Each structure stands twice: as C-alpha cells, then as structure tokens.
Amino acid sequence: MNRTKDAYRHQSNNRVIMWYKIRELYLKGFNKSQIAFQLGLHRSTVRRYLKMDENTLTAKLQHRRRYPRILD
C-alpha cells in the first residue's frame, strides 16, 4: 500500500475517533463550546459531527474525492 492510502486511512480513523469523543462528551452534559475548547476544534466542527449519525459518518468517509494529479 502506498503512502497516500496509509495517510488517508489514518485520517479516516482519526475522524471516527473524534466523532466518538464528541458524542461521549456531549452525552456527559458538555455543551458544544466546552467540547470544542477541550478537543481544540471549532464550534461549527463540533456541531457538524453532532448532526451526523454513525451511518452518515461511515458513508462520508467511504466517499473519497478523486483529484487529477498535476503530473499526470
């Protein structure tokens, strides 16, 4: 597997972990601003993650944009 696929997989895993962290903190009673401050995110990012259910998250991660390479 080449380097870009590994980097993409790592980034996808980080997003899933972040989604679970945001959900966990929200269920514990933290508000969006507190979650954003604690995780170092913007409030709108927290809001976007809270809007997503697990199916939406996995579908979004599976849909990967393909950009033409400059050197091709």
PDB file of N, CA and C in Angstrom:
ATOM      1  N   MET A   1       0.851  -1.179   0.000  1.00  0.00           N
ATOM      2  CA  MET A   1       0.000   0.000   0.000  1.00  0.00           C
ATOM      3  C   MET A   1       0.893   1.237   0.000  1.00  0.00           C
ATOM      4  N   ASN A   2       0.531   2.190  -0.795  1.00  0.00           N
ATOM      5  CA  ASN A   2       1.388   3.362  -0.884  1.00  0.00           C
ATOM      6  C   ASN A   2       1.106   4.349   0.248  1.00  0.00           C
ATOM      7  N   ARG A   3       1.911   5.350   0.299  1.00  0.00           N
ATOM      8  CA  ARG A   3       1.889   6.310   1.409  1.00  0.00           C
ATOM      9  C   ARG A   3       0.579   7.101   1.486  1.00  0.00           C
ATOM     10  N   THR A   4       0.018   7.496   0.358  1.00  0.00           N
ATOM     11  CA  THR A   4      -1.206   8.298   0.391  1.00  0.00           C
ATOM     12  C   THR A   4      -2.391   7.496   0.926  1.00  0.00           C
ATOM     13  N   LYS A   5      -2.470   6.224   0.576  1.00  0.00           N
ATOM     14  CA  LYS A   5      -3.551   5.387   1.100  1.00  0.00           C
ATOM     15  C   LYS A   5      -3.413   5.209   2.607  1.00  0.00           C
ATOM     16  N   ASP A   6      -2.189   5.029   3.086  1.00  0.00           N
ATOM     17  CA  ASP A   6      -1.961   4.924   4.529  1.00  0.00           C
ATOM     18  C   ASP A   6      -2.342   6.215   5.236  1.00  0.00           C
ATOM     19  N   ALA A   7      -1.985   7.339   4.654  1.00  0.00           N
ATOM     20  CA  ALA A   7      -2.308   8.636   5.253  1.00  0.00           C
ATOM     21  C   ALA A   7      -3.819   8.843   5.280  1.00  0.00           C
ATOM     22  N   TYR A   8      -4.499   8.459   4.213  1.00  0.00           N
ATOM     23  CA  TYR A   8      -5.953   8.605   4.165  1.00  0.00           C
ATOM     24  C   TYR A   8      -6.621   7.719   5.203  1.00  0.00           C
ATOM     25  N   ARG A   9      -6.151   6.495   5.331  1.00  0.00           N
ATOM     26  CA  ARG A   9      -6.715   5.569   6.316  1.00  0.00           C
ATOM     27  C   ARG A   9      -6.513   6.115   7.725  1.00  0.00           C
ATOM     28  N   HIS A  10      -5.335   6.655   8.003  1.00  0.00           N
ATOM     29  CA  HIS A  10      -5.042   7.231   9.317  1.00  0.00           C
ATOM     30  C   HIS A  10      -5.963   8.416   9.589  1.00  0.00           C
ATOM     31  N   GLN A  11      -6.158   9.266   8.599  1.00  0.00           N
ATOM     32  CA  GLN A  11      -7.032  10.430   8.742  1.00  0.00           C
ATOM     33  C   GLN A  11      -8.477   9.987   8.987  1.00  0.00           C
ATOM     34  N   SER A  12      -8.928   8.955   8.298  1.00  0.00           N
ATOM     35  CA  SER A  12     -10.283   8.443   8.492  1.00  0.00           C
ATOM     36  C   SER A  12     -10.458   7.899   9.898  1.00  0.00           C
ATOM     37  N   ASN A  13      -9.459   7.168  10.375  1.00  0.00           N
ATOM     38  CA  ASN A  13      -9.523   6.632  11.735  1.00  0.00           C
ATOM     39  C   ASN A  13      -9.588   7.758  12.755  1.00  0.00           C
ATOM     40  N   ASN A  14      -8.819   8.820  12.538  1.00  0.00           N
ATOM     41  CA  ASN A  14      -8.846   9.963  13.453  1.00  0.00           C
ATOM     42  C   ASN A  14     -10.225  10.614  13.486  1.00  0.00           C
ATOM     43  N   ARG A  15     -10.878  10.696  12.350  1.00  0.00           N
ATOM     44  CA  ARG A  15     -12.211  11.304  12.297  1.00  0.00           C
ATOM     45  C   ARG A  15     -13.232  10.462  13.044  1.00  0.00           C
ATOM     46  N   VAL A  16     -13.134   9.153  12.915  1.00  0.00           N
ATOM     47  CA  VAL A  16     -14.054   8.269  13.639  1.00  0.00           C
ATOM     48  C   VAL A  16     -13.830   8.402  15.138  1.00  0.00           C
ATOM     49  N   ILE A  17     -12.579   8.417  15.556  1.00  0.00           N
ATOM     50  CA  ILE A  17     -12.254   8.580  16.974  1.00  0.00           C
ATOM     51  C   ILE A  17     -12.777   9.918  17.483  1.00  0.00           C
ATOM     52  N   MET A  18     -12.600  10.974  16.704  1.00  0.00           N
ATOM     53  CA  MET A  18     -13.076  12.299  17.100  1.00  0.00           C
ATOM     54  C   MET A  18     -14.595  12.302  17.220  1.00  0.00           C
ATOM     55  N   TRP A  19     -15.288  11.637  16.299  1.00  0.00           N
ATOM     56  CA  TRP A  19     -16.749  11.555  16.355  1.00  0.00           C
ATOM     57  C   TRP A  19     -17.192  10.911  17.656  1.00  0.00           C
ATOM     58  N   TYR A  20     -16.527   9.816  18.044  1.00  0.00           N
ATOM     59  CA  TYR A  20     -16.883   9.139  19.292  1.00  0.00           C
ATOM     60  C   TYR A  20     -16.569  10.002  20.513  1.00  0.00           C
ATOM     61  N   LYS A  21     -15.451  10.715  20.498  1.00  0.00           N
ATOM     62  CA  LYS A  21     -15.101  11.595  21.623  1.00  0.00           C
ATOM     63  C   LYS A  21     -16.132  12.703  21.786  1.00  0.00           C
ATOM     64  N   ILE A  22     -16.523  13.313  20.669  1.00  0.00           N
ATOM     65  CA  ILE A  22     -17.515  14.392  20.713  1.00  0.00           C
ATOM     66  C   ILE A  22     -18.835  13.866  21.256  1.00  0.00           C
ATOM     67  N   ARG A  23     -19.274  12.715  20.776  1.00  0.00           N
ATOM     68  CA  ARG A  23     -20.522  12.106  21.252  1.00  0.00           C
ATOM     69  C   ARG A  23     -20.456  11.820  22.750  1.00  0.00           C
ATOM     70  N   GLU A  24     -19.334  11.260  23.186  1.00  0.00           N
ATOM     71  CA  GLU A  24     -19.169  10.905  24.594  1.00  0.00           C
ATOM     72  C   GLU A  24     -19.269  12.148  25.488  1.00  0.00           C
ATOM     73  N   LEU A  25     -18.558  13.205  25.113  1.00  0.00           N
ATOM     74  CA  LEU A  25     -18.591  14.430  25.912  1.00  0.00           C
ATOM     75  C   LEU A  25     -19.985  15.061  25.911  1.00  0.00           C
ATOM     76  N   TYR A  26     -20.661  15.020  24.776  1.00  0.00           N
ATOM     77  CA  TYR A  26     -22.000  15.597  24.686  1.00  0.00           C
ATOM     78  C   TYR A  26     -22.981  14.834  25.578  1.00  0.00           C
ATOM     79  N   LEU A  27     -22.858  13.511  25.593  1.00  0.00           N
ATOM     80  CA  LEU A  27     -23.736  12.700  26.439  1.00  0.00           C
ATOM     81  C   LEU A  27     -23.438  12.892  27.922  1.00  0.00           C
ATOM     82  N   LYS A  28     -22.214  13.301  28.244  1.00  0.00           N
ATOM     83  CA  LYS A  28     -21.854  13.587  29.635  1.00  0.00           C
ATOM     84  C   LYS A  28     -22.365  14.951  30.085  1.00  0.00           C
ATOM     85  N   GLY A  29     -22.908  15.739  29.150  1.00  0.00           N
ATOM     86  CA  GLY A  29     -23.503  17.012  29.509  1.00  0.00           C
ATOM     87  C   GLY A  29     -22.703  18.239  29.120  1.00  0.00           C
ATOM     88  N   PHE A  30     -21.597  18.053  28.409  1.00  0.00           N
ATOM     89  CA  PHE A  30     -20.817  19.200  27.943  1.00  0.00           C
ATOM     90  C   PHE A  30     -21.568  19.884  26.810  1.00  0.00           C
ATOM     91  N   ASN A  31     -21.476  21.213  26.738  1.00  0.00           N
ATOM     92  CA  ASN A  31     -22.088  21.896  25.600  1.00  0.00           C
ATOM     93  C   ASN A  31     -21.072  21.980  24.457  1.00  0.00           C
ATOM     94  N   LYS A  32     -21.515  22.470  23.319  1.00  0.00           N
ATOM     95  CA  LYS A  32     -20.669  22.478  22.119  1.00  0.00           C
ATOM     96  C   LYS A  32     -19.409  23.316  22.297  1.00  0.00           C
ATOM     97  N   SER A  33     -19.530  24.446  22.959  1.00  0.00           N
ATOM     98  CA  SER A  33     -18.362  25.306  23.182  1.00  0.00           C
ATOM     99  C   SER A  33     -17.335  24.627  24.077  1.00  0.00           C
ATOM    100  N   GLN A  34     -17.804  23.952  25.107  1.00  0.00           N
ATOM    101  CA  GLN A  34     -16.897  23.248  26.010  1.00  0.00           C
ATOM    102  C   GLN A  34     -16.189  22.101  25.294  1.00  0.00           C
ATOM    103  N   ILE A  35     -16.929  21.376  24.478  1.00  0.00           N
ATOM    104  CA  ILE A  35     -16.336  20.272  23.712  1.00  0.00           C
ATOM    105  C   ILE A  35     -15.288  20.814  22.749  1.00  0.00           C
ATOM    106  N   ALA A  36     -15.624  21.887  22.056  1.00  0.00           N
ATOM    107  CA  ALA A  36     -14.691  22.488  21.099  1.00  0.00           C
ATOM    108  C   ALA A  36     -13.415  22.930  21.799  1.00  0.00           C
ATOM    109  N   PHE A  37     -13.545  23.568  22.943  1.00  0.00           N
ATOM    110  CA  PHE A  37     -12.377  24.031  23.689  1.00  0.00           C
ATOM    111  C   PHE A  37     -11.527  22.853  24.151  1.00  0.00           C
ATOM    112  N   GLN A  38     -12.176  21.828  24.675  1.00  0.00           N
ATOM    113  CA  GLN A  38     -11.451  20.681  25.214  1.00  0.00           C
ATOM    114  C   GLN A  38     -10.721  19.892  24.129  1.00  0.00           C
ATOM    115  N   LEU A  39     -11.306  19.786  22.954  1.00  0.00           N
ATOM    116  CA  LEU A  39     -10.705  18.988  21.880  1.00  0.00           C
ATOM    117  C   LEU A  39      -9.912  19.826  20.881  1.00  0.00           C
ATOM    118  N   GLY A  40      -9.944  21.143  21.032  1.00  0.00           N
ATOM    119  CA  GLY A  40      -9.194  22.009  20.128  1.00  0.00           C
ATOM    120  C   GLY A  40      -9.819  22.126  18.752  1.00  0.00           C
ATOM    121  N   LEU A  41     -11.145  22.116  18.710  1.00  0.00           N
ATOM    122  CA  LEU A  41     -11.877  22.218  17.453  1.00  0.00           C
ATOM    123  C   LEU A  41     -12.688  23.507  17.434  1.00  0.00           C
ATOM    124  N   HIS A  42     -13.215  23.832  16.275  1.00  0.00           N
ATOM    125  CA  HIS A  42     -14.128  24.963  16.159  1.00  0.00           C
ATOM    126  C   HIS A  42     -15.535  24.479  16.524  1.00  0.00           C
ATOM    127  N   ARG A  43     -16.345  25.381  17.055  1.00  0.00           N
ATOM    128  CA  ARG A  43     -17.714  25.019  17.446  1.00  0.00           C
ATOM    129  C   ARG A  43     -18.518  24.458  16.278  1.00  0.00           C
ATOM    130  N   SER A  44     -18.311  25.002  15.097  1.00  0.00           N
ATOM    131  CA  SER A  44     -19.076  24.517  13.943  1.00  0.00           C
ATOM    132  C   SER A  44     -18.683  23.087  13.571  1.00  0.00           C
ATOM    133  N   THR A  45     -17.427  22.727  13.811  1.00  0.00           N
ATOM    134  CA  THR A  45     -16.993  21.351  13.570  1.00  0.00           C
ATOM    135  C   THR A  45     -17.691  20.415  14.539  1.00  0.00           C
ATOM    136  N   VAL A  46     -17.763  20.815  15.801  1.00  0.00           N
ATOM    137  CA  VAL A  46     -18.460  20.006  16.807  1.00  0.00           C
ATOM    138  C   VAL A  46     -19.931  19.865  16.425  1.00  0.00           C
ATOM    139  N   ARG A  47     -20.553  20.954  16.010  1.00  0.00           N
ATOM    140  CA  ARG A  47     -21.962  20.921  15.609  1.00  0.00           C
ATOM    141  C   ARG A  47     -22.161  19.972  14.429  1.00  0.00           C
ATOM    142  N   ARG A  48     -21.260  20.028  13.455  1.00  0.00           N
ATOM    143  CA  ARG A  48     -21.368  19.165  12.276  1.00  0.00           C
ATOM    144  C   ARG A  48     -21.247  17.689  12.660  1.00  0.00           C
ATOM    145  N   TYR A  49     -20.302  17.373  13.554  1.00  0.00           N
ATOM    146  CA  TYR A  49     -20.135  15.991  13.990  1.00  0.00           C
ATOM    147  C   TYR A  49     -21.344  15.513  14.789  1.00  0.00           C
ATOM    148  N   LEU A  50     -21.934  16.393  15.601  1.00  0.00           N
ATOM    149  CA  LEU A  50     -23.104  16.005  16.386  1.00  0.00           C
ATOM    150  C   LEU A  50     -24.329  15.772  15.509  1.00  0.00           C
ATOM    151  N   LYS A  51     -24.408  16.443  14.367  1.00  0.00           N
ATOM    152  CA  LYS A  51     -25.522  16.237  13.440  1.00  0.00           C
ATOM    153  C   LYS A  51     -25.455  14.868  12.768  1.00  0.00           C
ATOM    154  N   MET A  52     -24.245  14.340  12.617  1.00  0.00           N
ATOM    155  CA  MET A  52     -24.050  13.080  11.906  1.00  0.00           C
ATOM    156  C   MET A  52     -24.408  11.887  12.781  1.00  0.00           C
ATOM    157  N   ASP A  53     -25.097  10.918  12.188  1.00  0.00           N
ATOM    158  CA  ASP A  53     -25.223   9.642  12.868  1.00  0.00           C
ATOM    159  C   ASP A  53     -24.097   8.742  12.358  1.00  0.00           C
ATOM    160  N   GLU A  54     -23.994   7.563  12.906  1.00  0.00           N
ATOM    161  CA  GLU A  54     -22.868   6.693  12.560  1.00  0.00           C
ATOM    162  C   GLU A  54     -22.892   6.285  11.087  1.00  0.00           C
ATOM    163  N   ASN A  55     -24.078   6.058  10.537  1.00  0.00           N
ATOM    164  CA  ASN A  55     -24.188   5.680   9.121  1.00  0.00           C
ATOM    165  C   ASN A  55     -23.734   6.809   8.204  1.00  0.00           C
ATOM    166  N   THR A  56     -24.096   8.030   8.545  1.00  0.00           N
ATOM    167  CA  THR A  56     -23.678   9.188   7.750  1.00  0.00           C
ATOM    168  C   THR A  56     -22.171   9.350   7.788  1.00  0.00           C
ATOM    169  N   LEU A  57     -21.595   9.147   8.963  1.00  0.00           N
ATOM    170  CA  LEU A  57     -20.146   9.266   9.110  1.00  0.00           C
ATOM    171  C   LEU A  57     -19.417   8.247   8.241  1.00  0.00           C
ATOM    172  N   THR A  58     -19.834   6.988   8.303  1.00  0.00           N
ATOM    173  CA  THR A  58     -19.151   5.962   7.512  1.00  0.00           C
ATOM    174  C   THR A  58     -19.349   6.195   6.018  1.00  0.00           C
ATOM    175  N   ALA A  59     -20.537   6.635   5.621  1.00  0.00           N
ATOM    176  CA  ALA A  59     -20.776   6.925   4.201  1.00  0.00           C
ATOM    177  C   ALA A  59     -19.899   8.075   3.733  1.00  0.00           C
ATOM    178  N   LYS A  60     -19.754   9.088   4.578  1.00  0.00           N
ATOM    179  CA  LYS A  60     -18.928  10.240   4.218  1.00  0.00           C
ATOM    180  C   LYS A  60     -17.461   9.833   4.088  1.00  0.00           C
ATOM    181  N   LEU A  61     -17.008   8.947   4.950  1.00  0.00           N
ATOM    182  CA  LEU A  61     -15.613   8.524   4.900  1.00  0.00           C
ATOM    183  C   LEU A  61     -15.336   7.604   3.715  1.00  0.00           C
ATOM    184  N   GLN A  62     -16.342   6.855   3.284  1.00  0.00           N
ATOM    185  CA  GLN A  62     -16.145   5.961   2.145  1.00  0.00           C
ATOM    186  C   GLN A  62     -16.131   6.714   0.826  1.00  0.00           C
ATOM    187  N   HIS A  63     -16.827   7.836   0.786  1.00  0.00           N
ATOM    188  CA  HIS A  63     -16.864   8.643  -0.433  1.00  0.00           C
ATOM    189  C   HIS A  63     -15.619   9.524  -0.455  1.00  0.00           C
ATOM    190  N   ARG A  64     -14.686   9.157  -1.278  1.00  0.00           N
ATOM    191  CA  ARG A  64     -13.419   9.880  -1.354  1.00  0.00           C
ATOM    192  C   ARG A  64     -13.321  10.598  -2.688  1.00  0.00           C
ATOM    193  N   ARG A  65     -13.041  11.868  -2.625  1.00  0.00           N
ATOM    194  CA  ARG A  65     -12.896  12.640  -3.863  1.00  0.00           C
ATOM    195  C   ARG A  65     -11.620  12.229  -4.579  1.00  0.00           C
ATOM    196  N   ARG A  66     -11.713  12.187  -5.868  1.00  0.00           N
ATOM    197  CA  ARG A  66     -10.541  11.885  -6.698  1.00  0.00           C
ATOM    198  C   ARG A  66     -10.162  13.145  -7.465  1.00  0.00           C
ATOM    199  N   TYR A  67      -8.990  13.624  -7.216  1.00  0.00           N
ATOM    200  CA  TYR A  67      -8.492  14.793  -7.928  1.00  0.00           C
ATOM    201  C   TYR A  67      -7.434  14.340  -8.930  1.00  0.00           C
ATOM    202  N   PRO A  68      -7.445  14.914 -10.128  1.00  0.00           N
ATOM    203  CA  PRO A  68      -6.396  14.554 -11.079  1.00  0.00           C
ATOM    204  C   PRO A  68      -5.041  15.036 -10.568  1.00  0.00           C
ATOM    205  N   ARG A  69      -4.052  14.225 -10.783  1.00  0.00           N
ATOM    206  CA  ARG A  69      -2.707  14.608 -10.363  1.00  0.00           C
ATOM    207  C   ARG A  69      -2.134  15.624 -11.333  1.00  0.00           C
ATOM    208  N   ILE A  70      -1.356  16.502 -10.806  1.00  0.00           N
ATOM    209  CA  ILE A  70      -0.765  17.554 -11.629  1.00  0.00           C
ATOM    210  C   ILE A  70       0.218  16.963 -12.637  1.00  0.00           C
ATOM    211  N   LEU A  71       0.915  15.921 -12.240  1.00  0.00           N
ATOM    212  CA  LEU A  71       1.950  15.354 -13.099  1.00  0.00           C
ATOM    213  C   LEU A  71       1.421  14.360 -14.122  1.00  0.00           C
ATOM    214  N   ASP A  72       0.152  13.983 -14.035  1.00  0.00           N
ATOM    215  CA  ASP A  72      -0.393  13.015 -14.994  1.00  0.00           C
ATOM    216  C   ASP A  72      -0.648  13.641 -16.339  1.00  0.00           C
TER     217      ASP A  72
END
